[in-house]
Amino acid sequence: MLILSRKLNEKVVIGDGIVISVVEIRGDQIKLGIDAPKSVKVFRQEVYDAIQEENRLAAGSALELPSLDLPKA
């Protein structure tokens, strides 16, 4: 893991298209601005974890769908 120190209004560049900026520092809370291409999904860790859990649950459940009896032409 790379650990960096940044001050207010300083930035970190990742690759060619992602820039993370320190927007605000207030007490023990830091606001970050993330500029990334629309093709790059950016989530907070707890949201990402919830999405992964939902995907695991959905993949594990065998939802049985009724068969469709279509009329023969």
N, C-alpha and C. Protein backbone atom coordinates (compact mmCIF):
# COMPACT_ATOMS: atom_id res chain seq x y z
N MET A 1 0.84 -1.17 0.00
CA MET A 1 0.00 0.00 0.00
C MET A 1 0.89 1.24 0.00
N LEU A 2 0.59 2.16 -0.88
CA LEU A 2 1.29 3.43 -0.93
C LEU A 2 0.56 4.40 -0.01
N ILE A 3 1.30 5.06 0.87
CA ILE A 3 0.71 6.04 1.79
C ILE A 3 1.32 7.39 1.47
N LEU A 4 0.46 8.38 1.21
CA LEU A 4 0.90 9.72 0.85
C LEU A 4 0.34 10.74 1.83
N SER A 5 1.07 11.80 2.03
CA SER A 5 0.57 12.94 2.79
C SER A 5 0.21 14.03 1.80
N ARG A 6 -0.96 14.62 1.96
CA ARG A 6 -1.41 15.70 1.09
C ARG A 6 -2.00 16.78 1.95
N LYS A 7 -1.87 18.02 1.52
CA LYS A 7 -2.47 19.16 2.20
C LYS A 7 -3.67 19.63 1.39
N LEU A 8 -4.41 20.56 1.96
CA LEU A 8 -5.58 21.12 1.30
C LEU A 8 -5.22 21.60 -0.10
N ASN A 9 -6.04 21.26 -1.07
CA ASN A 9 -5.89 21.62 -2.49
C ASN A 9 -4.77 20.88 -3.21
N GLU A 10 -4.10 19.95 -2.56
CA GLU A 10 -3.10 19.14 -3.25
C GLU A 10 -3.79 17.93 -3.86
N LYS A 11 -3.11 17.34 -4.86
CA LYS A 11 -3.74 16.26 -5.62
C LYS A 11 -2.83 15.05 -5.72
N VAL A 12 -3.46 13.93 -6.07
CA VAL A 12 -2.77 12.69 -6.38
C VAL A 12 -3.29 12.25 -7.75
N VAL A 13 -2.39 11.87 -8.63
CA VAL A 13 -2.78 11.42 -9.97
C VAL A 13 -2.56 9.91 -10.06
N ILE A 14 -3.58 9.20 -10.54
CA ILE A 14 -3.49 7.75 -10.72
C ILE A 14 -3.64 7.47 -12.21
N GLY A 15 -2.62 6.89 -12.80
CA GLY A 15 -2.66 6.61 -14.23
C GLY A 15 -2.81 7.88 -15.04
N ASP A 16 -3.48 7.75 -16.19
CA ASP A 16 -3.65 8.90 -17.07
C ASP A 16 -4.96 9.63 -16.87
N GLY A 17 -5.90 9.06 -16.10
CA GLY A 17 -7.21 9.67 -16.09
C GLY A 17 -7.87 9.88 -14.75
N ILE A 18 -7.20 9.61 -13.64
CA ILE A 18 -7.83 9.75 -12.34
C ILE A 18 -7.04 10.73 -11.49
N VAL A 19 -7.74 11.76 -10.98
CA VAL A 19 -7.11 12.76 -10.12
C VAL A 19 -7.93 12.84 -8.83
N ILE A 20 -7.26 12.69 -7.70
CA ILE A 20 -7.90 12.81 -6.39
C ILE A 20 -7.39 14.08 -5.73
N SER A 21 -8.31 14.95 -5.33
CA SER A 21 -7.97 16.23 -4.73
C SER A 21 -8.46 16.29 -3.29
N VAL A 22 -7.67 16.89 -2.42
CA VAL A 22 -8.11 17.16 -1.05
C VAL A 22 -8.89 18.48 -1.12
N VAL A 23 -10.20 18.40 -0.92
CA VAL A 23 -11.09 19.55 -1.09
C VAL A 23 -11.30 20.30 0.22
N GLU A 24 -11.41 19.55 1.32
CA GLU A 24 -11.68 20.19 2.61
C GLU A 24 -11.16 19.31 3.72
N ILE A 25 -10.63 19.96 4.77
CA ILE A 25 -10.20 19.25 5.97
C ILE A 25 -10.89 19.95 7.14
N ARG A 26 -11.68 19.15 7.89
CA ARG A 26 -12.38 19.72 9.04
C ARG A 26 -12.31 18.71 10.17
N GLY A 27 -11.48 18.98 11.17
CA GLY A 27 -11.31 18.06 12.28
C GLY A 27 -10.73 16.75 11.79
N ASP A 28 -11.42 15.64 12.09
CA ASP A 28 -10.93 14.33 11.67
C ASP A 28 -11.58 13.86 10.36
N GLN A 29 -12.24 14.78 9.66
CA GLN A 29 -12.90 14.43 8.41
C GLN A 29 -12.23 15.15 7.23
N ILE A 30 -12.02 14.41 6.17
CA ILE A 30 -11.40 14.95 4.96
C ILE A 30 -12.36 14.73 3.80
N LYS A 31 -12.58 15.76 2.99
CA LYS A 31 -13.41 15.62 1.80
C LYS A 31 -12.48 15.52 0.60
N LEU A 32 -12.71 14.49 -0.20
CA LEU A 32 -11.91 14.25 -1.39
C LEU A 32 -12.76 14.50 -2.63
N GLY A 33 -12.15 15.06 -3.65
CA GLY A 33 -12.78 15.18 -4.95
C GLY A 33 -12.11 14.18 -5.87
N ILE A 34 -12.90 13.44 -6.64
CA ILE A 34 -12.34 12.43 -7.53
C ILE A 34 -12.78 12.74 -8.95
N ASP A 35 -11.81 12.97 -9.80
CA ASP A 35 -12.07 13.22 -11.21
C ASP A 35 -11.59 11.99 -11.98
N ALA A 36 -12.55 11.25 -12.55
CA ALA A 36 -12.23 10.01 -13.25
C ALA A 36 -13.12 9.89 -14.48
N PRO A 37 -12.68 9.11 -15.47
CA PRO A 37 -13.54 8.89 -16.63
C PRO A 37 -14.84 8.21 -16.20
N LYS A 38 -15.91 8.45 -16.98
CA LYS A 38 -17.21 7.86 -16.64
C LYS A 38 -17.17 6.34 -16.66
N SER A 39 -16.22 5.76 -17.37
CA SER A 39 -16.12 4.30 -17.44
C SER A 39 -15.54 3.70 -16.16
N VAL A 40 -14.98 4.54 -15.28
CA VAL A 40 -14.41 4.07 -14.02
C VAL A 40 -15.45 4.26 -12.92
N LYS A 41 -15.83 3.16 -12.29
CA LYS A 41 -16.79 3.23 -11.20
C LYS A 41 -16.05 3.56 -9.90
N VAL A 42 -16.59 4.52 -9.15
CA VAL A 42 -15.98 4.95 -7.89
C VAL A 42 -17.03 4.78 -6.80
N PHE A 43 -16.71 4.00 -5.76
CA PHE A 43 -17.63 3.75 -4.66
C PHE A 43 -16.92 3.98 -3.32
N ARG A 44 -17.70 4.34 -2.30
CA ARG A 44 -17.19 4.27 -0.93
C ARG A 44 -17.08 2.80 -0.59
N GLN A 45 -16.15 2.44 0.28
CA GLN A 45 -15.90 1.03 0.60
C GLN A 45 -17.16 0.32 1.09
N GLU A 46 -17.94 0.96 1.97
CA GLU A 46 -19.11 0.29 2.52
C GLU A 46 -20.18 0.06 1.44
N VAL A 47 -20.28 0.94 0.47
CA VAL A 47 -21.22 0.75 -0.64
C VAL A 47 -20.73 -0.39 -1.54
N TYR A 48 -19.44 -0.41 -1.84
CA TYR A 48 -18.86 -1.47 -2.65
C TYR A 48 -19.08 -2.84 -2.00
N ASP A 49 -18.84 -2.91 -0.69
CA ASP A 49 -19.03 -4.16 0.04
C ASP A 49 -20.50 -4.62 -0.02
N ALA A 50 -21.44 -3.68 0.11
CA ALA A 50 -22.86 -4.03 0.04
C ALA A 50 -23.23 -4.54 -1.35
N ILE A 51 -22.70 -3.92 -2.38
CA ILE A 51 -22.96 -4.38 -3.75
C ILE A 51 -22.41 -5.78 -3.95
N GLN A 52 -21.20 -6.04 -3.47
CA GLN A 52 -20.61 -7.36 -3.60
C GLN A 52 -21.43 -8.42 -2.87
N GLU A 53 -21.92 -8.08 -1.69
CA GLU A 53 -22.73 -9.03 -0.92
C GLU A 53 -24.05 -9.32 -1.65
N GLU A 54 -24.69 -8.29 -2.18
CA GLU A 54 -25.92 -8.49 -2.94
C GLU A 54 -25.66 -9.37 -4.16
N ASN A 55 -24.53 -9.16 -4.83
CA ASN A 55 -24.19 -9.99 -5.98
C ASN A 55 -23.98 -11.45 -5.58
N ARG A 56 -23.31 -11.67 -4.43
CA ARG A 56 -23.11 -13.04 -3.94
C ARG A 56 -24.44 -13.70 -3.63
N LEU A 57 -25.33 -12.96 -2.98
CA LEU A 57 -26.64 -13.53 -2.63
C LEU A 57 -27.44 -13.83 -3.89
N ALA A 58 -27.41 -12.94 -4.86
CA ALA A 58 -28.16 -13.15 -6.10
C ALA A 58 -27.61 -14.34 -6.88
N ALA A 59 -26.30 -14.51 -6.88
CA ALA A 59 -25.70 -15.63 -7.61
C ALA A 59 -25.99 -16.95 -6.92
N GLY A 60 -26.17 -16.93 -5.62
CA GLY A 60 -26.40 -18.16 -4.87
C GLY A 60 -27.85 -18.60 -4.84
N SER A 61 -28.76 -17.70 -5.13
CA SER A 61 -30.18 -18.09 -5.08
C SER A 61 -30.62 -18.58 -6.45
N ALA A 62 -31.25 -19.72 -6.44
CA ALA A 62 -31.74 -20.29 -7.70
C ALA A 62 -33.21 -19.89 -7.82
N LEU A 63 -33.45 -18.83 -8.50
CA LEU A 63 -34.81 -18.36 -8.70
C LEU A 63 -35.44 -19.17 -9.82
N GLU A 64 -36.51 -19.87 -9.49
CA GLU A 64 -37.16 -20.70 -10.51
C GLU A 64 -38.23 -19.89 -11.21
N LEU A 65 -38.10 -19.79 -12.50
CA LEU A 65 -39.05 -19.04 -13.30
C LEU A 65 -40.05 -20.00 -13.93
N PRO A 66 -41.30 -19.58 -14.04
CA PRO A 66 -42.30 -20.46 -14.68
C PRO A 66 -41.96 -20.62 -16.16
N SER A 67 -42.30 -21.78 -16.69
CA SER A 67 -42.04 -22.00 -18.12
C SER A 67 -43.12 -21.27 -18.93
N LEU A 68 -42.74 -20.79 -20.07
CA LEU A 68 -43.68 -20.09 -20.93
C LEU A 68 -44.16 -21.07 -22.00
N ASP A 69 -45.44 -21.30 -22.03
CA ASP A 69 -46.00 -22.16 -23.07
C ASP A 69 -46.45 -21.26 -24.20
N LEU A 70 -45.58 -21.12 -25.20
CA LEU A 70 -45.88 -20.25 -26.31
C LEU A 70 -46.68 -21.04 -27.36
N PRO A 71 -47.65 -20.39 -27.98
CA PRO A 71 -48.42 -21.08 -29.02
C PRO A 71 -47.50 -21.39 -30.21
N LYS A 72 -47.72 -22.56 -30.79
CA LYS A 72 -46.91 -22.96 -31.94
C LYS A 72 -47.50 -22.39 -33.22
N ALA A 73 -46.62 -21.89 -34.03
CA ALA A 73 -47.07 -21.26 -35.28
C ALA A 73 -47.29 -22.25 -36.38
